[in-house]
Amino acid sequence: MSLPLKSVTYRQVELADLECLIRRHYGLQYNVIGALGVSNGSYHRVEAWAEPLDPEEAEEIAAWRAGGPEPHLASVMNDLVCSGVIGGGEYLVHVWW
């Protein structure tokens, strides 16, 4: 018996590097661990595409920039792609502390 497999390509990013990029771009702190609710040593997949932000994502980002709660990581990543800061694709965030 064989296991059907599919090869995929992800862009892997370290937690600290992603938080640093977000902090530099927005001038705000962002807690990836809190946003994802993940454990140490885990990986979290996030899709980020170069499509216009949907109204909910745009509202999340605007509220955060105005001092509101942190948006979902996918919203932040999509905004980074739309801003030309990172390339679009599927990312694996390596979570560790």
N, C-alpha and C. Protein backbone atom coordinates (compact mmCIF):
# COMPACT_ATOMS: atom_id res chain seq x y z
N MET A 1 0.84 -1.17 0.00
CA MET A 1 0.00 0.00 0.00
C MET A 1 0.89 1.23 0.00
N SER A 2 0.49 2.24 -0.75
CA SER A 2 1.28 3.47 -0.78
C SER A 2 0.43 4.63 -0.30
N LEU A 3 1.11 5.61 0.15
CA LEU A 3 0.46 6.82 0.66
C LEU A 3 0.52 7.89 -0.43
N PRO A 4 -0.62 8.40 -0.87
CA PRO A 4 -0.58 9.44 -1.90
C PRO A 4 0.02 10.73 -1.33
N LEU A 5 1.05 11.23 -1.98
CA LEU A 5 1.73 12.43 -1.53
C LEU A 5 1.67 13.50 -2.61
N LYS A 6 1.72 14.72 -2.17
CA LYS A 6 1.76 15.86 -3.07
C LYS A 6 2.88 16.78 -2.60
N SER A 7 3.77 17.16 -3.49
CA SER A 7 4.84 18.08 -3.14
C SER A 7 4.33 19.51 -3.23
N VAL A 8 4.67 20.29 -2.20
CA VAL A 8 4.28 21.70 -2.17
C VAL A 8 5.49 22.54 -1.77
N THR A 9 5.44 23.80 -2.10
CA THR A 9 6.53 24.71 -1.76
C THR A 9 6.00 25.79 -0.82
N TYR A 10 6.70 25.98 0.28
CA TYR A 10 6.35 27.02 1.24
C TYR A 10 7.56 27.93 1.41
N ARG A 11 7.28 29.15 1.81
CA ARG A 11 8.33 30.08 2.20
C ARG A 11 8.38 30.02 3.72
N GLN A 12 9.46 29.51 4.27
CA GLN A 12 9.57 29.38 5.73
C GLN A 12 10.19 30.64 6.31
N VAL A 13 9.60 31.10 7.41
CA VAL A 13 10.10 32.30 8.08
C VAL A 13 10.14 32.03 9.58
N GLU A 14 11.16 32.53 10.22
CA GLU A 14 11.30 32.38 11.67
C GLU A 14 10.44 33.44 12.36
N LEU A 15 9.86 33.06 13.46
CA LEU A 15 8.99 33.93 14.25
C LEU A 15 9.63 35.29 14.51
N ALA A 16 10.85 35.31 15.02
CA ALA A 16 11.51 36.57 15.38
C ALA A 16 11.72 37.46 14.16
N ASP A 17 12.07 36.86 13.02
CA ASP A 17 12.28 37.64 11.81
C ASP A 17 10.98 38.26 11.32
N LEU A 18 9.89 37.52 11.39
CA LEU A 18 8.59 38.03 10.97
C LEU A 18 8.14 39.17 11.88
N GLU A 19 8.27 38.99 13.18
CA GLU A 19 7.89 40.06 14.11
C GLU A 19 8.74 41.31 13.88
N CYS A 20 10.01 41.14 13.59
CA CYS A 20 10.90 42.28 13.33
C CYS A 20 10.47 43.01 12.05
N LEU A 21 10.16 42.28 11.01
CA LEU A 21 9.71 42.90 9.76
C LEU A 21 8.41 43.68 9.98
N ILE A 22 7.47 43.09 10.69
CA ILE A 22 6.19 43.76 10.97
C ILE A 22 6.43 45.04 11.78
N ARG A 23 7.28 44.95 12.79
CA ARG A 23 7.59 46.11 13.64
C ARG A 23 8.24 47.23 12.81
N ARG A 24 9.17 46.87 11.94
CA ARG A 24 9.84 47.88 11.11
C ARG A 24 8.87 48.51 10.10
N HIS A 25 8.02 47.70 9.50
CA HIS A 25 7.12 48.22 8.46
C HIS A 25 6.00 49.09 9.04
N TYR A 26 5.39 48.63 10.12
CA TYR A 26 4.25 49.36 10.67
C TYR A 26 4.61 50.30 11.83
N GLY A 27 5.78 50.09 12.42
CA GLY A 27 6.15 50.88 13.58
C GLY A 27 5.36 50.48 14.82
N LEU A 28 4.84 49.25 14.81
CA LEU A 28 4.02 48.74 15.91
C LEU A 28 4.50 47.36 16.32
N GLN A 29 4.32 47.04 17.58
CA GLN A 29 4.62 45.67 18.05
C GLN A 29 3.52 44.74 17.58
N TYR A 30 3.88 43.50 17.28
CA TYR A 30 2.91 42.49 16.89
C TYR A 30 3.36 41.17 17.50
N ASN A 31 2.47 40.53 18.21
CA ASN A 31 2.78 39.27 18.89
C ASN A 31 2.24 38.11 18.07
N VAL A 32 3.11 37.49 17.26
CA VAL A 32 2.70 36.38 16.40
C VAL A 32 2.18 35.21 17.25
N ILE A 33 2.85 34.91 18.35
CA ILE A 33 2.43 33.79 19.20
C ILE A 33 1.02 34.03 19.72
N GLY A 34 0.74 35.22 20.19
CA GLY A 34 -0.60 35.53 20.68
C GLY A 34 -1.64 35.50 19.57
N ALA A 35 -1.26 35.99 18.39
CA ALA A 35 -2.19 36.02 17.26
C ALA A 35 -2.55 34.62 16.79
N LEU A 36 -1.59 33.72 16.84
CA LEU A 36 -1.83 32.37 16.34
C LEU A 36 -2.31 31.41 17.42
N GLY A 37 -1.96 31.70 18.68
CA GLY A 37 -2.33 30.78 19.76
C GLY A 37 -1.67 29.42 19.58
N VAL A 38 -0.40 29.41 19.26
CA VAL A 38 0.33 28.18 18.98
C VAL A 38 1.34 27.86 20.07
N SER A 39 1.90 26.68 20.01
CA SER A 39 2.87 26.25 21.02
C SER A 39 4.29 26.30 20.47
N ASN A 40 5.23 26.22 21.40
CA ASN A 40 6.64 26.25 21.07
C ASN A 40 7.01 25.07 20.16
N GLY A 41 7.82 25.35 19.16
CA GLY A 41 8.30 24.31 18.26
C GLY A 41 7.33 23.96 17.15
N SER A 42 6.29 24.73 16.99
CA SER A 42 5.29 24.41 15.96
C SER A 42 5.52 25.23 14.70
N TYR A 43 4.79 24.85 13.67
CA TYR A 43 4.79 25.58 12.41
C TYR A 43 3.34 25.96 12.12
N HIS A 44 3.16 27.13 11.57
CA HIS A 44 1.81 27.56 11.21
C HIS A 44 1.82 28.06 9.78
N ARG A 45 0.91 27.54 8.96
CA ARG A 45 0.84 27.92 7.55
C ARG A 45 -0.07 29.13 7.40
N VAL A 46 0.41 30.11 6.64
CA VAL A 46 -0.36 31.32 6.36
C VAL A 46 -0.28 31.58 4.86
N GLU A 47 -1.43 31.78 4.25
CA GLU A 47 -1.47 32.14 2.84
C GLU A 47 -1.49 33.67 2.73
N ALA A 48 -0.68 34.20 1.84
CA ALA A 48 -0.62 35.64 1.62
C ALA A 48 -0.55 35.88 0.12
N TRP A 49 -1.57 36.54 -0.41
CA TRP A 49 -1.66 36.71 -1.85
C TRP A 49 -1.73 38.18 -2.23
N ALA A 50 -1.25 38.47 -3.41
CA ALA A 50 -1.22 39.85 -3.93
C ALA A 50 -2.57 40.22 -4.54
N GLU A 51 -3.59 40.17 -3.73
CA GLU A 51 -4.92 40.58 -4.14
C GLU A 51 -5.34 41.71 -3.21
N PRO A 52 -6.20 42.59 -3.66
CA PRO A 52 -6.63 43.66 -2.76
C PRO A 52 -7.21 43.08 -1.47
N LEU A 53 -6.92 43.76 -0.36
CA LEU A 53 -7.46 43.31 0.92
C LEU A 53 -8.98 43.37 0.87
N ASP A 54 -9.60 42.37 1.49
CA ASP A 54 -11.05 42.47 1.58
C ASP A 54 -11.39 43.52 2.63
N PRO A 55 -12.61 44.04 2.64
CA PRO A 55 -12.95 45.13 3.56
C PRO A 55 -12.70 44.80 5.03
N GLU A 56 -12.93 43.56 5.44
CA GLU A 56 -12.69 43.19 6.84
C GLU A 56 -11.21 43.26 7.19
N GLU A 57 -10.34 42.77 6.28
CA GLU A 57 -8.90 42.84 6.52
C GLU A 57 -8.44 44.28 6.58
N ALA A 58 -8.89 45.10 5.65
CA ALA A 58 -8.50 46.51 5.64
C ALA A 58 -8.95 47.21 6.92
N GLU A 59 -10.13 46.86 7.40
CA GLU A 59 -10.64 47.45 8.63
C GLU A 59 -9.80 47.00 9.83
N GLU A 60 -9.42 45.72 9.86
CA GLU A 60 -8.56 45.21 10.95
C GLU A 60 -7.24 45.96 11.00
N ILE A 61 -6.61 46.13 9.84
CA ILE A 61 -5.31 46.81 9.76
C ILE A 61 -5.46 48.26 10.20
N ALA A 62 -6.47 48.95 9.69
CA ALA A 62 -6.67 50.36 10.04
C ALA A 62 -6.93 50.53 11.53
N ALA A 63 -7.74 49.66 12.11
CA ALA A 63 -8.05 49.75 13.54
C ALA A 63 -6.79 49.52 14.36
N TRP A 64 -5.97 48.55 13.97
CA TRP A 64 -4.72 48.25 14.68
C TRP A 64 -3.79 49.45 14.62
N ARG A 65 -3.66 50.05 13.45
CA ARG A 65 -2.77 51.20 13.28
C ARG A 65 -3.25 52.40 14.08
N ALA A 66 -4.55 52.42 14.40
CA ALA A 66 -5.13 53.51 15.19
C ALA A 66 -5.13 53.19 16.68
N GLY A 67 -4.46 52.09 17.08
CA GLY A 67 -4.35 51.75 18.49
C GLY A 67 -5.27 50.64 18.94
N GLY A 68 -5.96 50.00 18.00
CA GLY A 68 -6.87 48.90 18.33
C GLY A 68 -6.16 47.57 18.49
N PRO A 69 -6.93 46.49 18.57
CA PRO A 69 -6.35 45.16 18.76
C PRO A 69 -5.56 44.69 17.54
N GLU A 70 -4.66 43.76 17.79
CA GLU A 70 -3.85 43.20 16.71
C GLU A 70 -4.74 42.41 15.74
N PRO A 71 -4.52 42.59 14.45
CA PRO A 71 -5.31 41.85 13.46
C PRO A 71 -4.81 40.41 13.33
N HIS A 72 -5.58 39.61 12.65
CA HIS A 72 -5.17 38.23 12.36
C HIS A 72 -3.90 38.27 11.51
N LEU A 73 -3.03 37.30 11.71
CA LEU A 73 -1.76 37.28 10.99
C LEU A 73 -1.96 37.23 9.47
N ALA A 74 -2.96 36.53 9.00
CA ALA A 74 -3.20 36.46 7.55
C ALA A 74 -3.50 37.85 7.00
N SER A 75 -4.22 38.67 7.75
CA SER A 75 -4.50 40.04 7.31
C SER A 75 -3.22 40.85 7.19
N VAL A 76 -2.35 40.71 8.18
CA VAL A 76 -1.07 41.42 8.17
C VAL A 76 -0.22 40.95 6.99
N MET A 77 -0.15 39.64 6.80
CA MET A 77 0.67 39.10 5.70
C MET A 77 0.11 39.54 4.35
N ASN A 78 -1.20 39.52 4.17
CA ASN A 78 -1.79 39.98 2.92
C ASN A 78 -1.48 41.45 2.67
N ASP A 79 -1.54 42.26 3.73
CA ASP A 79 -1.21 43.67 3.59
C ASP A 79 0.25 43.87 3.22
N LEU A 80 1.13 43.06 3.80
CA LEU A 80 2.56 43.15 3.46
C LEU A 80 2.79 42.80 1.99
N VAL A 81 2.08 41.80 1.49
CA VAL A 81 2.20 41.44 0.08
C VAL A 81 1.69 42.58 -0.80
N CYS A 82 0.51 43.10 -0.47
CA CYS A 82 -0.08 44.20 -1.26
C CYS A 82 0.81 45.45 -1.25
N SER A 83 1.56 45.63 -0.18
CA SER A 83 2.46 46.77 -0.05
C SER A 83 3.80 46.53 -0.75
N GLY A 84 4.02 45.32 -1.27
CA GLY A 84 5.27 44.99 -1.95
C GLY A 84 6.42 44.69 -1.01
N VAL A 85 6.13 44.45 0.28
CA VAL A 85 7.18 44.20 1.26
C VAL A 85 7.65 42.74 1.18
N ILE A 86 6.72 41.82 0.96
CA ILE A 86 7.06 40.40 0.81
C ILE A 86 6.37 39.87 -0.44
N GLY A 87 6.84 38.73 -0.92
CA GLY A 87 6.21 38.09 -2.08
C GLY A 87 5.01 37.27 -1.66
N GLY A 88 4.07 37.12 -2.56
CA GLY A 88 2.90 36.32 -2.28
C GLY A 88 3.23 34.83 -2.28
N GLY A 89 2.42 34.07 -1.57
CA GLY A 89 2.60 32.63 -1.53
C GLY A 89 2.15 32.05 -0.21
N GLU A 90 2.52 30.82 0.01
CA GLU A 90 2.19 30.15 1.26
C GLU A 90 3.43 30.16 2.16
N TYR A 91 3.24 30.62 3.38
CA TYR A 91 4.34 30.75 4.33
C TYR A 91 4.16 29.76 5.47
N LEU A 92 5.29 29.25 5.95
CA LEU A 92 5.32 28.46 7.18
C LEU A 92 6.05 29.30 8.21
N VAL A 93 5.34 29.66 9.26
CA VAL A 93 5.94 30.44 10.34
C VAL A 93 6.45 29.44 11.37
N HIS A 94 7.75 29.44 11.61
CA HIS A 94 8.37 28.56 12.60
C HIS A 94 8.30 29.26 13.95
N VAL A 95 7.49 28.70 14.84
CA VAL A 95 7.25 29.31 16.14
C VAL A 95 8.15 28.65 17.18
N TRP A 96 8.92 29.47 17.86
CA TRP A 96 9.79 28.98 18.94
C TRP A 96 10.10 30.12 19.88
N TRP A 97 10.37 29.77 21.10
CA TRP A 97 10.81 30.77 22.09
C TRP A 97 11.66 30.12 23.12
